[in-house]
Amino acid sequence: MSTEQELTGRLALVTGAGRGIGEAVARALVARGAHVVATDLDPGGVAKLAEEHPGRVTARALDVTDSAAADALVAGTETALGPLDILVNVAGILRSSPVVELTDEDWAATFAVNANGVLHTSRAAARRMAGRGRGSIVTVASNAAGIPRAGMAAYAASKAAAVMFTKCLGLEVAARGVRCNTVSPGSTLTDMQRALWSGADGMDEAAAARRVIAGDLAAHRTGIPLGRIADPADIAEAVVFLVSDRARHITMHDLYVDGGATLRA
C-alpha cells in the first residue's frame, strides 16, 4: 500500500487538535486514511475539522487534566467507533517566567496539562491497546525537555516528565505489541510561538523569527542551523511516520524535529 493511504481502517485520537500542531497532526492522519477523533478543550476548532472532513473526523471536547473524562472519552470512542489504534498527545500550555517569579499556580497548571494530561490519556489508551496486542502512542513534547531554556522552567520540566513517562510506558507495554514514542519540536509557527514573540521588543513576526533563527547569545540559544522556523506540518509528518508500520521496530524513541537547534544536546 502507498504511504498516501497507509493508515486506512485505523482509528486515531488526537488531543489538542483544535489548532497548531494538533490540528496539523489530525489533518495528516486523515490524509493517510485514518478516522480521527479530534479533541480539544475548546470545541470550536475540532468542530471545524469535523465539518471539513465529514465521516472522517469526529469532534469531541476534552479537558486532559480530568482523568475521569479522559477515560470516559477513550471508552466511549471504542464503544462508538471501534478499537483505538493510535493516540497522539499534543495538548499543551506554556507559561513563561523566570523561576524566582514563577507562581505555584503556573507550575501546577503547566504540569496538569503537559504531564498529567499525557498520563490520563495514555493510561486509558494503553490499557485497551495492550489487551489487544497492538497500538501506537506518540507524545508531542519539546526540545526544551532536553536543554535548559531561560524563562521556561515549568514548560521544560513538564515536557521532560512527559518524555520519560512515555518511554517508561513504552518499556512496560512493548512485549504486548504497543509502541510508545515522542516527537520533540523546536520553534514552530503556532499561536504558542507567536505568544512568545508578542513581547519581543516590539518586533514584528518576521523580525522575531529571524532572531530565533539567528540565535540569541544573551538567552543562551544557538539558533536554527537549517535556517527556518518549523511549520506544524513538519511535526505532523514525524508523528505520522512513528504511528505507521514503517516505524514498526521503533519504540521508546525521542525524535527531535528542531532544525538542529539544540545540536542534539
C-alpha atoms as a PDB file:
ATOM      1  CA  MET A   1       0.000   0.000   0.000  1.00  0.00           C
ATOM      2  CA  SER A   2       1.261   3.509  -0.785  1.00  0.00           C
ATOM      3  CA  THR A   3       2.023   5.819   2.101  1.00  0.00           C
ATOM      4  CA  GLU A   4      -0.860   8.042   0.955  1.00  0.00           C
ATOM      5  CA  GLN A   5      -3.384   5.578   2.421  1.00  0.00           C
ATOM      6  CA  GLU A   6      -1.175   3.635   4.833  1.00  0.00           C
ATOM      7  CA  LEU A   7      -3.458   4.275   7.818  1.00  0.00           C
ATOM      8  CA  THR A   8      -6.714   3.243   6.162  1.00  0.00           C
ATOM      9  CA  GLY A   9      -9.005   1.473   8.610  1.00  0.00           C
ATOM     10  CA  ARG A  10      -7.214   2.785  11.700  1.00  0.00           C
ATOM     11  CA  LEU A  11      -8.778   4.860  14.443  1.00  0.00           C
ATOM     12  CA  ALA A  12      -6.758   7.684  15.971  1.00  0.00           C
ATOM     13  CA  LEU A  13      -7.322  10.005  18.915  1.00  0.00           C
ATOM     14  CA  VAL A  14      -5.539  13.365  18.904  1.00  0.00           C
ATOM     15  CA  THR A  15      -5.571  15.771  21.846  1.00  0.00           C
ATOM     16  CA  GLY A  16      -5.110  19.498  21.352  1.00  0.00           C
ATOM     17  CA  ALA A  17      -6.370  19.122  17.785  1.00  0.00           C
ATOM     18  CA  GLY A  18      -8.157  22.458  17.602  1.00  0.00           C
ATOM     19  CA  ARG A  19      -5.187  24.381  16.261  1.00  0.00           C
ATOM     20  CA  GLY A  20      -1.433  24.395  15.710  1.00  0.00           C
ATOM     21  CA  ILE A  21       0.468  21.122  15.767  1.00  0.00           C
ATOM     22  CA  GLY A  22      -2.539  19.125  16.940  1.00  0.00           C
ATOM     23  CA  GLU A  23      -4.628  20.318  14.029  1.00  0.00           C
ATOM     24  CA  ALA A  24      -1.799  19.544  11.605  1.00  0.00           C
ATOM     25  CA  VAL A  25      -1.460  16.041  13.057  1.00  0.00           C
ATOM     26  CA  ALA A  26      -5.192  15.404  12.711  1.00  0.00           C
ATOM     27  CA  ARG A  27      -5.151  16.559   9.087  1.00  0.00           C
ATOM     28  CA  ALA A  28      -2.099  14.434   8.266  1.00  0.00           C
ATOM     29  CA  LEU A  29      -3.672  11.311   9.781  1.00  0.00           C
ATOM     30  CA  VAL A  30      -6.889  11.845   7.833  1.00  0.00           C
ATOM     31  CA  ALA A  31      -4.871  12.336   4.648  1.00  0.00           C
ATOM     32  CA  ARG A  32      -3.302   8.897   5.231  1.00  0.00           C
ATOM     33  CA  GLY A  33      -6.718   7.253   5.577  1.00  0.00           C
ATOM     34  CA  ALA A  34      -7.302   7.220   9.351  1.00  0.00           C
ATOM     35  CA  HIS A  35     -10.503   8.154  11.105  1.00  0.00           C
ATOM     36  CA  VAL A  36      -9.581  10.790  13.687  1.00  0.00           C
ATOM     37  CA  VAL A  37     -11.280  11.607  16.958  1.00  0.00           C
ATOM     38  CA  ALA A  38     -10.139  15.216  17.321  1.00  0.00           C
ATOM     39  CA  THR A  39     -10.292  16.566  20.865  1.00  0.00           C
ATOM     40  CA  ASP A  40      -9.638  19.931  22.423  1.00  0.00           C
ATOM     41  CA  LEU A  41     -10.617  21.930  25.485  1.00  0.00           C
ATOM     42  CA  ASP A  42     -12.121  24.494  23.089  1.00  0.00           C
ATOM     43  CA  PRO A  43     -14.552  22.602  20.837  1.00  0.00           C
ATOM     44  CA  GLY A  44     -14.620  25.238  18.098  1.00  0.00           C
ATOM     45  CA  GLY A  45     -11.502  24.192  16.209  1.00  0.00           C
ATOM     46  CA  VAL A  46     -12.257  20.467  16.226  1.00  0.00           C
ATOM     47  CA  ALA A  47     -15.858  21.129  15.175  1.00  0.00           C
ATOM     48  CA  LYS A  48     -14.487  22.931  12.124  1.00  0.00           C
ATOM     49  CA  LEU A  49     -12.243  19.957  11.341  1.00  0.00           C
ATOM     50  CA  ALA A  50     -15.223  17.626  11.515  1.00  0.00           C
ATOM     51  CA  GLU A  51     -17.198  19.880   9.170  1.00  0.00           C
ATOM     52  CA  GLU A  52     -14.334  19.846   6.670  1.00  0.00           C
ATOM     53  CA  HIS A  53     -13.938  16.049   6.845  1.00  0.00           C
ATOM     54  CA  PRO A  54     -17.421  14.568   7.246  1.00  0.00           C
ATOM     55  CA  GLY A  55     -17.271  10.915   8.210  1.00  0.00           C
ATOM     56  CA  ARG A  56     -13.517  11.108   8.698  1.00  0.00           C
ATOM     57  CA  VAL A  57     -13.217  13.313  11.791  1.00  0.00           C
ATOM     58  CA  THR A  58     -15.239  13.038  14.988  1.00  0.00           C
ATOM     59  CA  ALA A  59     -15.032  16.144  17.189  1.00  0.00           C
ATOM     60  CA  ARG A  60     -15.053  15.837  20.966  1.00  0.00           C
ATOM     61  CA  ALA A  61     -14.399  18.311  23.777  1.00  0.00           C
ATOM     62  CA  LEU A  62     -11.844  17.087  26.313  1.00  0.00           C
ATOM     63  CA  ASP A  63     -10.053  18.568  29.298  1.00  0.00           C
ATOM     64  CA  VAL A  64      -6.989  16.329  29.543  1.00  0.00           C
ATOM     65  CA  THR A  65      -6.427  17.367  33.157  1.00  0.00           C
ATOM     66  CA  ASP A  66      -9.599  15.450  34.082  1.00  0.00           C
ATOM     67  CA  SER A  67      -8.632  11.793  34.492  1.00  0.00           C
ATOM     68  CA  ALA A  68     -12.212  10.509  34.566  1.00  0.00           C
ATOM     69  CA  ALA A  69     -13.126  12.497  31.461  1.00  0.00           C
ATOM     70  CA  ALA A  70     -10.133  11.113  29.549  1.00  0.00           C
ATOM     71  CA  ASP A  71     -11.005   7.544  30.456  1.00  0.00           C
ATOM     72  CA  ALA A  72     -14.666   8.086  29.584  1.00  0.00           C
ATOM     73  CA  LEU A  73     -13.762   9.569  26.214  1.00  0.00           C
ATOM     74  CA  VAL A  74     -11.491   6.656  25.296  1.00  0.00           C
ATOM     75  CA  ALA A  75     -14.107   4.151  26.424  1.00  0.00           C
ATOM     76  CA  GLY A  76     -16.863   5.992  24.572  1.00  0.00           C
ATOM     77  CA  THR A  77     -14.752   6.212  21.432  1.00  0.00           C
ATOM     78  CA  GLU A  78     -14.204   2.466  21.386  1.00  0.00           C
ATOM     79  CA  THR A  79     -17.892   1.767  22.015  1.00  0.00           C
ATOM     80  CA  ALA A  80     -18.972   4.072  19.195  1.00  0.00           C
ATOM     81  CA  LEU A  81     -16.215   3.659  16.636  1.00  0.00           C
ATOM     82  CA  GLY A  82     -14.220   0.527  17.456  1.00  0.00           C
ATOM     83  CA  PRO A  83     -10.743  -0.281  18.779  1.00  0.00           C
ATOM     84  CA  LEU A  84      -8.358   2.637  19.127  1.00  0.00           C
ATOM     85  CA  ASP A  85      -5.152   2.099  17.134  1.00  0.00           C
ATOM     86  CA  ILE A  86      -3.368   5.409  17.604  1.00  0.00           C
ATOM     87  CA  LEU A  87      -3.123   8.054  20.331  1.00  0.00           C
ATOM     88  CA  VAL A  88      -1.281  11.322  19.779  1.00  0.00           C
ATOM     89  CA  ASN A  89      -0.838  13.578  22.816  1.00  0.00           C
ATOM     90  CA  VAL A  90      -0.487  17.169  21.636  1.00  0.00           C
ATOM     91  CA  ALA A  91      -2.450  19.250  24.161  1.00  0.00           C
ATOM     92  CA  GLY A  92      -0.098  21.589  25.978  1.00  0.00           C
ATOM     93  CA  ILE A  93       0.294  25.023  27.528  1.00  0.00           C
ATOM     94  CA  LEU A  94       3.217  27.382  28.049  1.00  0.00           C
ATOM     95  CA  ARG A  95       3.520  29.862  30.905  1.00  0.00           C
ATOM     96  CA  SER A  96       6.909  31.522  30.693  1.00  0.00           C
ATOM     97  CA  SER A  97       8.551  33.138  33.699  1.00  0.00           C
ATOM     98  CA  PRO A  98      11.902  33.319  35.468  1.00  0.00           C
ATOM     99  CA  VAL A  99      11.932  30.722  38.239  1.00  0.00           C
ATOM    100  CA  VAL A 100      12.180  33.320  41.010  1.00  0.00           C
ATOM    101  CA  GLU A 101       8.923  34.881  39.750  1.00  0.00           C
ATOM    102  CA  LEU A 102       7.156  31.611  38.871  1.00  0.00           C
ATOM    103  CA  THR A 103       3.900  31.132  40.766  1.00  0.00           C
ATOM    104  CA  ASP A 104       2.720  27.860  42.248  1.00  0.00           C
ATOM    105  CA  GLU A 105      -0.424  28.163  40.141  1.00  0.00           C
ATOM    106  CA  ASP A 106       1.514  28.458  36.862  1.00  0.00           C
ATOM    107  CA  TRP A 107       3.739  25.499  37.778  1.00  0.00           C
ATOM    108  CA  ALA A 108       0.752  23.328  38.722  1.00  0.00           C
ATOM    109  CA  ALA A 109      -1.289  24.334  35.670  1.00  0.00           C
ATOM    110  CA  THR A 110       1.608  23.563  33.332  1.00  0.00           C
ATOM    111  CA  PHE A 111       2.137  20.108  34.797  1.00  0.00           C
ATOM    112  CA  ALA A 112      -1.616  19.442  34.914  1.00  0.00           C
ATOM    113  CA  VAL A 113      -1.823  19.700  31.118  1.00  0.00           C
ATOM    114  CA  ASN A 114       1.642  18.811  29.833  1.00  0.00           C
ATOM    115  CA  ALA A 115       2.425  15.885  32.151  1.00  0.00           C
ATOM    116  CA  ASN A 116      -0.751  14.769  33.942  1.00  0.00           C
ATOM    117  CA  GLY A 117      -2.762  15.076  30.737  1.00  0.00           C
ATOM    118  CA  VAL A 118      -0.370  12.723  28.965  1.00  0.00           C
ATOM    119  CA  LEU A 119      -0.735  10.253  31.830  1.00  0.00           C
ATOM    120  CA  HIS A 120      -4.535  10.365  31.731  1.00  0.00           C
ATOM    121  CA  THR A 121      -4.997   9.744  28.016  1.00  0.00           C
ATOM    122  CA  SER A 122      -2.055   7.370  27.606  1.00  0.00           C
ATOM    123  CA  ARG A 123      -3.069   5.201  30.538  1.00  0.00           C
ATOM    124  CA  ALA A 124      -6.637   4.928  29.268  1.00  0.00           C
ATOM    125  CA  ALA A 125      -5.491   4.035  25.758  1.00  0.00           C
ATOM    126  CA  ALA A 126      -2.648   1.702  26.785  1.00  0.00           C
ATOM    127  CA  ARG A 127      -4.924  -0.417  28.968  1.00  0.00           C
ATOM    128  CA  ARG A 128      -7.041  -1.230  25.946  1.00  0.00           C
ATOM    129  CA  MET A 129      -4.263  -1.419  23.348  1.00  0.00           C
ATOM    130  CA  ALA A 130      -2.176  -3.812  25.447  1.00  0.00           C
ATOM    131  CA  GLY A 131      -5.142  -6.126  25.852  1.00  0.00           C
ATOM    132  CA  ARG A 132      -5.417  -6.379  22.072  1.00  0.00           C
ATOM    133  CA  GLY A 133      -1.689  -6.709  21.474  1.00  0.00           C
ATOM    134  CA  ARG A 134      -1.298  -3.688  19.210  1.00  0.00           C
ATOM    135  CA  GLY A 135      -1.290   0.097  19.158  1.00  0.00           C
ATOM    136  CA  SER A 136       0.869   3.191  18.888  1.00  0.00           C
ATOM    137  CA  ILE A 137       1.147   6.182  21.222  1.00  0.00           C
ATOM    138  CA  VAL A 138       3.066   9.343  20.352  1.00  0.00           C
ATOM    139  CA  THR A 139       3.561  12.257  22.728  1.00  0.00           C
ATOM    140  CA  VAL A 140       4.492  15.624  21.259  1.00  0.00           C
ATOM    141  CA  ALA A 141       6.978  17.049  23.739  1.00  0.00           C
ATOM    142  CA  SER A 142       9.593  19.759  23.075  1.00  0.00           C
ATOM    143  CA  ASN A 143      13.301  20.122  22.542  1.00  0.00           C
ATOM    144  CA  ALA A 144      13.155  22.225  25.716  1.00  0.00           C
ATOM    145  CA  ALA A 145      12.848  18.893  27.554  1.00  0.00           C
ATOM    146  CA  GLY A 146      16.482  18.160  26.726  1.00  0.00           C
ATOM    147  CA  ILE A 147      18.203  21.521  27.068  1.00  0.00           C
ATOM    148  CA  PRO A 148      17.786  24.343  29.600  1.00  0.00           C
ATOM    149  CA  ARG A 149      15.747  27.345  28.465  1.00  0.00           C
ATOM    150  CA  ALA A 150      15.713  30.654  30.316  1.00  0.00           C
ATOM    151  CA  GLY A 151      12.234  31.629  31.438  1.00  0.00           C
ATOM    152  CA  MET A 152      10.761  28.233  30.572  1.00  0.00           C
ATOM    153  CA  ALA A 153      11.481  26.073  33.619  1.00  0.00           C
ATOM    154  CA  ALA A 154       7.910  24.888  34.170  1.00  0.00           C
ATOM    155  CA  TYR A 155       7.375  24.112  30.480  1.00  0.00           C
ATOM    156  CA  ALA A 156      10.730  22.368  30.054  1.00  0.00           C
ATOM    157  CA  ALA A 157      10.326  20.317  33.226  1.00  0.00           C
ATOM    158  CA  SER A 158       6.785  19.263  32.318  1.00  0.00           C
ATOM    159  CA  LYS A 159       7.857  18.206  28.839  1.00  0.00           C
ATOM    160  CA  ALA A 160      10.820  16.280  30.242  1.00  0.00           C
ATOM    161  CA  ALA A 161       8.383  14.470  32.524  1.00  0.00           C
ATOM    162  CA  ALA A 162       6.159  13.657  29.554  1.00  0.00           C
ATOM    163  CA  VAL A 163       9.105  12.268  27.596  1.00  0.00           C
ATOM    164  CA  MET A 164      10.294   9.975  30.372  1.00  0.00           C
ATOM    165  CA  PHE A 165       6.753   8.885  31.209  1.00  0.00           C
ATOM    166  CA  THR A 166       6.185   7.893  27.580  1.00  0.00           C
ATOM    167  CA  LYS A 167       9.454   5.949  27.482  1.00  0.00           C
ATOM    168  CA  CYS A 168       8.614   4.100  30.708  1.00  0.00           C
ATOM    169  CA  LEU A 169       5.162   3.274  29.400  1.00  0.00           C
ATOM    170  CA  GLY A 170       6.759   2.055  26.183  1.00  0.00           C
ATOM    171  CA  LEU A 171       9.010  -0.291  28.132  1.00  0.00           C
ATOM    172  CA  GLU A 172       6.092  -1.732  30.070  1.00  0.00           C
ATOM    173  CA  VAL A 173       3.855  -2.407  27.058  1.00  0.00           C
ATOM    174  CA  ALA A 174       6.450  -3.318  24.417  1.00  0.00           C
ATOM    175  CA  ALA A 175       6.026  -7.062  24.956  1.00  0.00           C
ATOM    176  CA  ARG A 176       2.304  -6.616  24.373  1.00  0.00           C
ATOM    177  CA  GLY A 177       2.718  -5.052  20.956  1.00  0.00           C
ATOM    178  CA  VAL A 178       2.255  -1.378  21.821  1.00  0.00           C
ATOM    179  CA  ARG A 179       4.839   1.184  20.706  1.00  0.00           C
ATOM    180  CA  CYS A 180       5.343   4.496  22.552  1.00  0.00           C
ATOM    181  CA  ASN A 181       7.461   7.330  21.154  1.00  0.00           C
ATOM    182  CA  THR A 182       7.887  11.069  21.481  1.00  0.00           C
ATOM    183  CA  VAL A 183       8.389  13.847  18.955  1.00  0.00           C
ATOM    184  CA  SER A 184      10.213  16.906  20.284  1.00  0.00           C
ATOM    185  CA  PRO A 185       9.754  20.028  18.160  1.00  0.00           C
ATOM    186  CA  GLY A 186      11.767  23.177  18.345  1.00  0.00           C
ATOM    187  CA  SER A 187      10.402  26.603  17.438  1.00  0.00           C
ATOM    188  CA  THR A 188       7.289  26.035  15.331  1.00  0.00           C
ATOM    189  CA  LEU A 189       4.964  28.613  13.779  1.00  0.00           C
ATOM    190  CA  THR A 190       1.987  28.217  16.125  1.00  0.00           C
ATOM    191  CA  ASP A 191      -0.069  30.504  18.353  1.00  0.00           C
ATOM    192  CA  MET A 192       2.130  29.427  21.270  1.00  0.00           C
ATOM    193  CA  GLN A 193       5.237  30.596  19.418  1.00  0.00           C
ATOM    194  CA  ARG A 194       3.569  33.861  18.418  1.00  0.00           C
ATOM    195  CA  ALA A 195       2.656  34.476  22.065  1.00  0.00           C
ATOM    196  CA  LEU A 196       6.348  34.232  22.968  1.00  0.00           C
ATOM    197  CA  TRP A 197       7.160  36.728  20.247  1.00  0.00           C
ATOM    198  CA  SER A 198       4.455  39.204  21.260  1.00  0.00           C
ATOM    199  CA  GLY A 199       6.717  40.742  23.880  1.00  0.00           C
ATOM    200  CA  ALA A 200       9.866  40.716  21.750  1.00  0.00           C
ATOM    201  CA  ASP A 201      10.766  44.415  21.983  1.00  0.00           C
ATOM    202  CA  GLY A 202       8.017  45.481  19.611  1.00  0.00           C
ATOM    203  CA  MET A 203       9.383  43.410  16.722  1.00  0.00           C
ATOM    204  CA  ASP A 204       7.042  42.134  14.039  1.00  0.00           C
ATOM    205  CA  GLU A 205       6.672  38.395  13.434  1.00  0.00           C
ATOM    206  CA  ALA A 206       9.223  38.273  10.634  1.00  0.00           C
ATOM    207  CA  ALA A 207      11.857  40.054  12.716  1.00  0.00           C
ATOM    208  CA  ALA A 208      11.164  37.852  15.729  1.00  0.00           C
ATOM    209  CA  ALA A 209      11.510  34.750  13.573  1.00  0.00           C
ATOM    210  CA  ARG A 210      14.829  35.974  12.194  1.00  0.00           C
ATOM    211  CA  ARG A 211      16.123  36.442  15.732  1.00  0.00           C
ATOM    212  CA  VAL A 212      15.158  32.885  16.672  1.00  0.00           C
ATOM    213  CA  ILE A 213      16.824  31.518  13.542  1.00  0.00           C
ATOM    214  CA  ALA A 214      19.987  33.553  14.157  1.00  0.00           C
ATOM    215  CA  GLY A 215      20.160  32.661  17.843  1.00  0.00           C
ATOM    216  CA  ASP A 216      20.485  34.839  20.904  1.00  0.00           C
ATOM    217  CA  LEU A 217      23.658  34.670  22.991  1.00  0.00           C
ATOM    218  CA  ALA A 218      22.025  36.537  25.883  1.00  0.00           C
ATOM    219  CA  ALA A 219      19.291  33.897  26.058  1.00  0.00           C
ATOM    220  CA  HIS A 220      21.783  31.039  25.540  1.00  0.00           C
ATOM    221  CA  ARG A 221      20.092  29.951  22.316  1.00  0.00           C
ATOM    222  CA  THR A 222      22.208  28.647  19.446  1.00  0.00           C
ATOM    223  CA  GLY A 223      19.818  29.437  16.611  1.00  0.00           C
ATOM    224  CA  ILE A 224      18.500  27.036  13.986  1.00  0.00           C
ATOM    225  CA  PRO A 225      21.133  25.554  11.650  1.00  0.00           C
ATOM    226  CA  LEU A 226      18.601  24.740   8.934  1.00  0.00           C
ATOM    227  CA  GLY A 227      17.664  28.413   8.800  1.00  0.00           C
ATOM    228  CA  ARG A 228      13.892  28.249   9.153  1.00  0.00           C
ATOM    229  CA  ILE A 229      11.095  28.068  11.703  1.00  0.00           C
ATOM    230  CA  ALA A 230       9.230  24.762  11.557  1.00  0.00           C
ATOM    231  CA  ASP A 231       5.741  24.563  10.110  1.00  0.00           C
ATOM    232  CA  PRO A 232       3.238  22.473  12.112  1.00  0.00           C
ATOM    233  CA  ALA A 233       3.116  20.090   9.133  1.00  0.00           C
ATOM    234  CA  ASP A 234       6.809  19.288   9.679  1.00  0.00           C
ATOM    235  CA  ILE A 235       5.977  17.960  13.137  1.00  0.00           C
ATOM    236  CA  ALA A 236       2.885  16.153  11.871  1.00  0.00           C
ATOM    237  CA  GLU A 237       4.889  14.242   9.279  1.00  0.00           C
ATOM    238  CA  ALA A 238       7.203  12.926  12.006  1.00  0.00           C
ATOM    239  CA  VAL A 239       4.192  11.802  14.032  1.00  0.00           C
ATOM    240  CA  VAL A 240       2.634  10.036  11.049  1.00  0.00           C
ATOM    241  CA  PHE A 241       5.851   8.146  10.422  1.00  0.00           C
ATOM    242  CA  LEU A 242       6.090   6.960  14.022  1.00  0.00           C
ATOM    243  CA  VAL A 243       2.493   5.680  14.145  1.00  0.00           C
ATOM    244  CA  SER A 244       2.821   3.917  10.793  1.00  0.00           C
ATOM    245  CA  ASP A 245       4.053   0.401  10.066  1.00  0.00           C
ATOM    246  CA  ARG A 246       7.195   1.970   8.604  1.00  0.00           C
ATOM    247  CA  ALA A 247       8.248   2.525  12.228  1.00  0.00           C
ATOM    248  CA  ARG A 248       7.159  -0.893  13.438  1.00  0.00           C
ATOM    249  CA  HIS A 249      10.527  -1.579  15.124  1.00  0.00           C
ATOM    250  CA  ILE A 250      10.804   1.823  16.808  1.00  0.00           C
ATOM    251  CA  THR A 251       9.690   2.352  20.390  1.00  0.00           C
ATOM    252  CA  MET A 252      10.836   4.482  23.350  1.00  0.00           C
ATOM    253  CA  HIS A 253      12.452   6.869  20.857  1.00  0.00           C
ATOM    254  CA  ASP A 254      12.555  10.670  21.164  1.00  0.00           C
ATOM    255  CA  LEU A 255      12.647  12.224  17.685  1.00  0.00           C
ATOM    256  CA  TYR A 256      13.866  15.823  17.646  1.00  0.00           C
ATOM    257  CA  VAL A 257      12.347  17.938  14.879  1.00  0.00           C
ATOM    258  CA  ASP A 258      14.033  21.271  15.526  1.00  0.00           C
ATOM    259  CA  GLY A 259      16.234  22.044  12.530  1.00  0.00           C
ATOM    260  CA  GLY A 260      19.297  21.221  14.630  1.00  0.00           C
ATOM    261  CA  ALA A 261      18.575  23.994  17.155  1.00  0.00           C
ATOM    262  CA  THR A 262      19.710  22.029  20.201  1.00  0.00           C
ATOM    263  CA  LEU A 263      22.691  20.495  18.400  1.00  0.00           C
ATOM    264  CA  ARG A 264      21.025  17.347  19.804  1.00  0.00           C
ATOM    265  CA  ALA A 265      22.458  18.113  23.242  1.00  0.00           C
END
